N, C-alpha and C. Protein backbone atom coordinates (compact mmCIF):
# COMPACT_ATOMS: atom_id res chain seq x y z
N MET A 1 118.30 208.58 97.90
CA MET A 1 117.15 207.97 98.53
C MET A 1 116.14 207.58 97.45
N ALA A 2 115.58 206.41 97.60
CA ALA A 2 114.63 205.91 96.61
C ALA A 2 113.29 206.64 96.72
N LYS A 3 112.62 206.72 95.61
CA LYS A 3 111.31 207.39 95.54
C LYS A 3 110.24 206.46 96.11
N LEU A 4 109.30 207.05 96.84
CA LEU A 4 108.20 206.29 97.43
C LEU A 4 107.34 205.66 96.34
N GLY A 5 107.00 204.39 96.53
CA GLY A 5 106.16 203.69 95.57
C GLY A 5 106.94 202.90 94.53
N THR A 6 108.26 202.80 94.73
CA THR A 6 109.11 202.03 93.82
C THR A 6 109.47 200.69 94.45
N GLU A 7 110.16 199.88 93.70
CA GLU A 7 110.58 198.56 94.17
C GLU A 7 111.47 198.68 95.41
N LYS A 8 112.36 199.67 95.42
CA LYS A 8 113.28 199.83 96.55
C LYS A 8 112.61 200.43 97.79
N LYS A 9 111.56 201.22 97.60
CA LYS A 9 110.85 201.83 98.73
C LYS A 9 109.34 201.76 98.48
N PRO A 10 108.75 200.59 98.70
CA PRO A 10 107.30 200.48 98.47
C PRO A 10 106.52 201.24 99.54
N ALA A 11 105.34 201.69 99.17
CA ALA A 11 104.45 202.34 100.13
C ALA A 11 103.89 201.28 101.06
N ILE A 12 103.76 201.63 102.33
CA ILE A 12 103.24 200.68 103.32
C ILE A 12 101.95 201.25 103.90
N VAL A 13 100.89 200.47 103.82
CA VAL A 13 99.59 200.90 104.35
C VAL A 13 99.03 199.82 105.28
N ARG A 14 98.23 200.26 106.23
CA ARG A 14 97.58 199.34 107.16
C ARG A 14 96.09 199.60 107.13
N VAL A 15 95.31 198.54 106.91
CA VAL A 15 93.85 198.65 106.87
C VAL A 15 93.25 197.65 107.85
N GLN A 16 91.93 197.76 108.04
CA GLN A 16 91.28 196.91 109.04
C GLN A 16 90.54 195.71 108.47
N ASN A 17 90.28 195.69 107.15
CA ASN A 17 89.57 194.52 106.60
C ASN A 17 89.97 194.27 105.16
N GLU A 18 89.58 193.12 104.67
CA GLU A 18 89.95 192.66 103.32
C GLU A 18 89.34 193.55 102.23
N ARG A 19 88.11 193.99 102.41
CA ARG A 19 87.44 194.83 101.41
C ARG A 19 88.22 196.13 101.21
N ARG A 20 88.62 196.75 102.32
CA ARG A 20 89.38 198.01 102.23
C ARG A 20 90.75 197.75 101.60
N ALA A 21 91.35 196.62 101.87
CA ALA A 21 92.64 196.27 101.27
C ALA A 21 92.52 196.16 99.75
N GLN A 22 91.41 195.62 99.27
CA GLN A 22 91.20 195.52 97.83
C GLN A 22 91.01 196.89 97.20
N GLU A 23 90.31 197.80 97.88
CA GLU A 23 90.13 199.17 97.37
C GLU A 23 91.48 199.87 97.24
N ILE A 24 92.28 199.77 98.29
CA ILE A 24 93.60 200.41 98.30
C ILE A 24 94.50 199.79 97.22
N SER A 25 94.46 198.47 97.11
CA SER A 25 95.28 197.78 96.11
C SER A 25 94.95 198.22 94.70
N SER A 26 93.66 198.44 94.42
CA SER A 26 93.28 198.85 93.07
C SER A 26 93.83 200.24 92.75
N ILE A 27 93.88 201.13 93.74
CA ILE A 27 94.45 202.48 93.52
C ILE A 27 95.93 202.37 93.20
N PHE A 28 96.66 201.56 93.98
CA PHE A 28 98.09 201.38 93.73
C PHE A 28 98.34 200.76 92.37
N ASP A 29 97.57 199.72 92.03
CA ASP A 29 97.75 199.04 90.74
C ASP A 29 97.46 199.97 89.56
N LYS A 30 96.43 200.79 89.68
CA LYS A 30 96.06 201.72 88.61
C LYS A 30 97.19 202.71 88.31
N ASN A 31 97.91 203.12 89.37
CA ASN A 31 98.99 204.09 89.20
C ASN A 31 100.37 203.45 89.02
N GLY A 32 100.45 202.14 89.14
CA GLY A 32 101.73 201.45 88.93
C GLY A 32 102.71 201.59 90.08
N TRP A 33 102.20 201.85 91.28
CA TRP A 33 103.06 202.00 92.45
C TRP A 33 103.23 200.65 93.15
N LYS A 34 104.40 200.43 93.72
CA LYS A 34 104.66 199.23 94.52
C LYS A 34 104.21 199.50 95.95
N PHE A 35 103.67 198.47 96.62
CA PHE A 35 103.10 198.67 97.94
C PHE A 35 103.08 197.40 98.76
N ILE A 36 102.88 197.58 100.06
CA ILE A 36 102.68 196.48 101.00
C ILE A 36 101.44 196.83 101.80
N VAL A 37 100.47 195.90 101.83
CA VAL A 37 99.24 196.12 102.58
C VAL A 37 99.19 195.16 103.75
N GLY A 38 98.96 195.70 104.94
CA GLY A 38 98.78 194.88 106.12
C GLY A 38 97.35 194.99 106.61
N ILE A 39 96.73 193.84 106.88
CA ILE A 39 95.36 193.84 107.40
C ILE A 39 95.44 193.57 108.90
N GLU A 40 95.14 194.61 109.69
CA GLU A 40 95.21 194.51 111.14
C GLU A 40 93.93 195.11 111.73
N PRO A 41 92.93 194.27 112.03
CA PRO A 41 91.64 194.77 112.50
C PRO A 41 91.70 195.46 113.86
N ASP A 42 92.72 195.18 114.66
CA ASP A 42 92.79 195.76 116.00
C ASP A 42 93.57 197.08 116.07
N LYS A 43 94.10 197.56 114.94
CA LYS A 43 94.86 198.81 114.90
C LYS A 43 94.18 199.80 113.96
N PRO A 44 94.40 201.10 114.17
CA PRO A 44 93.77 202.11 113.30
C PRO A 44 94.36 202.08 111.89
N GLU A 45 93.55 202.49 110.92
CA GLU A 45 93.98 202.52 109.53
C GLU A 45 95.08 203.57 109.33
N ASP A 46 96.10 203.22 108.55
CA ASP A 46 97.18 204.15 108.24
C ASP A 46 97.45 204.09 106.74
N ILE A 47 96.98 205.10 106.01
CA ILE A 47 97.20 205.16 104.56
C ILE A 47 97.98 206.43 104.20
N SER A 48 98.85 206.86 105.12
CA SER A 48 99.59 208.11 104.91
C SER A 48 100.51 208.03 103.68
N ASP A 49 101.12 206.88 103.40
CA ASP A 49 101.97 206.76 102.21
C ASP A 49 101.16 206.93 100.93
N LEU A 50 99.95 206.38 100.90
CA LEU A 50 99.08 206.55 99.73
C LEU A 50 98.72 208.02 99.55
N GLU A 51 98.40 208.70 100.64
CA GLU A 51 98.07 210.12 100.56
C GLU A 51 99.25 210.95 100.05
N LYS A 52 100.46 210.58 100.46
CA LYS A 52 101.66 211.28 99.98
C LYS A 52 101.84 211.09 98.47
N LEU A 53 101.53 209.90 97.98
CA LEU A 53 101.66 209.64 96.54
C LEU A 53 100.57 210.35 95.74
N LEU A 54 99.37 210.41 96.28
CA LEU A 54 98.27 211.05 95.57
C LEU A 54 98.37 212.57 95.59
N ASN A 55 98.93 213.14 96.66
CA ASN A 55 99.05 214.59 96.82
C ASN A 55 100.49 214.97 97.13
N PRO A 56 101.38 214.92 96.15
CA PRO A 56 102.79 215.23 96.42
C PRO A 56 102.97 216.70 96.80
N VAL A 57 103.96 216.94 97.66
CA VAL A 57 104.27 218.30 98.09
C VAL A 57 105.05 218.98 96.97
N LYS A 58 104.56 220.14 96.57
CA LYS A 58 105.23 220.87 95.51
C LYS A 58 106.21 221.86 96.13
N PRO A 59 107.43 221.95 95.59
CA PRO A 59 108.39 222.89 96.15
C PRO A 59 107.93 224.34 95.94
N ILE A 60 108.18 225.16 96.92
CA ILE A 60 107.78 226.56 96.85
C ILE A 60 108.84 227.34 96.07
N GLN A 61 108.41 228.06 95.07
CA GLN A 61 109.31 228.88 94.29
C GLN A 61 109.00 230.34 94.56
N SER A 62 110.00 231.03 95.05
CA SER A 62 109.77 232.45 95.32
C SER A 62 110.07 233.25 94.06
N ALA A 63 109.31 234.31 93.87
CA ALA A 63 109.52 235.16 92.71
C ALA A 63 110.79 235.96 92.91
N LYS A 64 111.53 236.17 91.84
CA LYS A 64 112.75 236.94 91.92
C LYS A 64 112.38 238.42 92.12
N ILE A 65 113.09 239.04 93.05
CA ILE A 65 112.82 240.43 93.36
C ILE A 65 113.75 241.30 92.52
N GLY A 66 113.16 242.24 91.79
CA GLY A 66 113.97 243.16 91.00
C GLY A 66 114.63 244.20 91.90
N ARG A 67 115.75 244.72 91.46
CA ARG A 67 116.48 245.70 92.27
C ARG A 67 115.67 246.96 92.53
N ASN A 68 114.81 247.34 91.60
CA ASN A 68 114.03 248.57 91.75
C ASN A 68 112.63 248.32 92.29
N ALA A 69 112.33 247.10 92.66
CA ALA A 69 111.02 246.77 93.23
C ALA A 69 111.00 247.17 94.70
N PRO A 70 109.81 247.39 95.24
CA PRO A 70 109.74 247.70 96.68
C PRO A 70 110.26 246.52 97.50
N CYS A 71 110.94 246.82 98.58
CA CYS A 71 111.52 245.76 99.41
C CYS A 71 110.42 244.96 100.10
N PRO A 72 110.53 243.62 100.11
CA PRO A 72 109.49 242.79 100.73
C PRO A 72 109.45 242.91 102.26
N CYS A 73 110.45 243.56 102.86
CA CYS A 73 110.44 243.69 104.33
C CYS A 73 109.43 244.72 104.80
N GLY A 74 108.90 245.53 103.87
CA GLY A 74 107.87 246.48 104.23
C GLY A 74 108.38 247.86 104.60
N SER A 75 109.66 248.13 104.34
CA SER A 75 110.22 249.43 104.71
C SER A 75 109.77 250.55 103.81
N GLY A 76 109.33 250.23 102.60
CA GLY A 76 108.92 251.25 101.63
C GLY A 76 110.06 251.70 100.73
N LYS A 77 111.27 251.24 101.03
CA LYS A 77 112.42 251.59 100.19
C LYS A 77 112.53 250.61 99.04
N LYS A 78 113.34 250.96 98.05
CA LYS A 78 113.64 250.03 96.97
C LYS A 78 114.51 248.90 97.53
N TYR A 79 114.38 247.73 96.95
CA TYR A 79 115.13 246.57 97.41
C TYR A 79 116.62 246.82 97.42
N LYS A 80 117.16 247.50 96.36
CA LYS A 80 118.60 247.73 96.26
C LYS A 80 119.12 248.66 97.35
N LYS A 81 118.26 249.53 97.91
CA LYS A 81 118.68 250.47 98.95
C LYS A 81 118.43 249.91 100.37
N CYS A 82 117.70 248.82 100.44
CA CYS A 82 117.32 248.30 101.76
C CYS A 82 118.02 246.97 102.04
N CYS A 83 117.42 245.87 101.67
CA CYS A 83 117.93 244.54 101.98
C CYS A 83 118.84 243.96 100.91
N GLY A 84 118.88 244.59 99.73
CA GLY A 84 119.69 244.08 98.62
C GLY A 84 121.10 244.36 98.86
C-alpha cells in the first residue's frame, strides 16, 4: 500500500473557501506532500488526511518482561511461574 501524501496516494482535503485552500496548500508544499484540494462551500471542512500526516500514529512498543520480574497480570508471582 502506498504511503499517504505520495504521488500514488495523495492526501485529499475539502475546504469551504479559496483563502483556506491556500493555507492548506502552503502546509502541503512546505512538507513536500502530494495533495488534492476541493473547494466546496456547502459541505463541512475535512482535513483529516492533513492531520494524519502532521501527527502520525506511533506504533506501541511493549517492554520485554524478564523471567524474574513480577507478572504483569497482578498475581504477585514471578513471570516465569505464572504466565510465562
